């Protein structure tokens, strides 16, 4: 089940859109938003391998398809 969706530009890591399912299921939503923003920044600097496309963090997995 998708808990959070964020869309960002890879060139500079700028978040363009975000959506939260309903916010009640994800108690630590702000913490995960910060982690996603850090992931976007790392992707923009080339620190994460683009071919990996998923990062585990606690009970959740961030998926990031690059187009």
Protein backbone atom coordinates (compact mmCIF):
# COMPACT_ATOMS: atom_id res chain seq x y z
CA UNK A 1 0.00 0.00 0.00
CA UNK A 2 1.30 3.45 -0.89
CA UNK A 3 1.58 5.69 2.17
CA UNK A 4 3.20 8.78 0.65
CA UNK A 5 3.98 10.03 -2.85
CA UNK A 6 6.48 12.75 -3.69
CA UNK A 7 7.63 13.94 -7.10
CA UNK A 8 10.83 15.94 -7.55
CA UNK A 9 13.22 17.11 -10.23
CA UNK A 10 16.39 15.06 -10.17
CA UNK A 11 18.55 17.89 -11.52
CA UNK A 12 18.22 19.97 -8.34
CA UNK A 13 16.13 17.85 -5.92
CA UNK A 14 13.26 20.36 -5.89
CA UNK A 15 10.02 18.71 -4.66
CA UNK A 16 7.25 19.40 -7.20
CA UNK A 17 4.30 17.56 -5.67
CA UNK A 18 3.45 15.41 -2.67
CA UNK A 19 0.49 13.43 -1.49
CA UNK A 20 -0.25 11.62 1.74
CA UNK A 21 -2.80 8.82 1.82
CA UNK A 22 -4.80 10.26 4.73
CA UNK A 23 -2.04 10.92 7.27
CA UNK A 24 -3.55 8.81 10.03
CA UNK A 25 -1.63 5.62 9.26
CA UNK A 26 1.77 7.27 9.03
CA UNK A 27 2.60 8.58 12.48
CA UNK A 28 6.12 9.68 11.56
CA UNK A 29 5.13 11.37 8.29
CA UNK A 30 7.36 14.42 8.81
CA UNK A 31 10.41 12.26 9.51
CA UNK A 32 9.82 10.28 6.30
CA UNK A 33 9.27 13.49 4.31
CA UNK A 34 12.68 14.72 5.49
CA UNK A 35 14.27 11.41 4.48
CA UNK A 36 12.69 11.63 1.03
CA UNK A 37 13.94 15.20 0.60
CA UNK A 38 17.45 14.07 1.57
CA UNK A 39 17.17 11.24 -0.97
CA UNK A 40 16.21 13.75 -3.69
CA UNK A 41 19.21 15.92 -2.82
CA UNK A 42 21.53 12.91 -2.93
CA UNK A 43 20.11 11.84 -6.29
CA UNK A 44 20.63 15.34 -7.68
CA UNK A 45 24.30 15.21 -6.60
CA UNK A 46 24.80 11.69 -7.95
CA UNK A 47 25.38 10.13 -4.50
CA UNK A 48 22.86 7.30 -4.96
CA UNK A 49 23.06 4.75 -7.74
CA UNK A 50 20.27 5.40 -10.19
CA UNK A 51 20.03 1.69 -10.96
CA UNK A 52 19.20 0.74 -7.36
CA UNK A 53 15.79 2.49 -7.30
CA UNK A 54 14.76 1.41 -3.78
CA UNK A 55 15.99 2.20 -0.29
CA UNK A 56 14.79 0.48 2.87
CA UNK A 57 14.19 2.63 5.92
CA UNK A 58 12.65 0.99 8.95
CA UNK A 59 9.40 -0.74 8.00
CA UNK A 60 9.10 1.21 4.71
CA UNK A 61 10.80 1.17 1.33
CA UNK A 62 11.32 4.27 -0.82
CA UNK A 63 10.92 3.50 -4.52
CA UNK A 64 12.32 6.02 -6.97
CA UNK A 65 11.87 5.35 -10.68
CA UNK A 66 13.85 7.81 -12.77
CA UNK A 67 12.35 9.04 -16.01
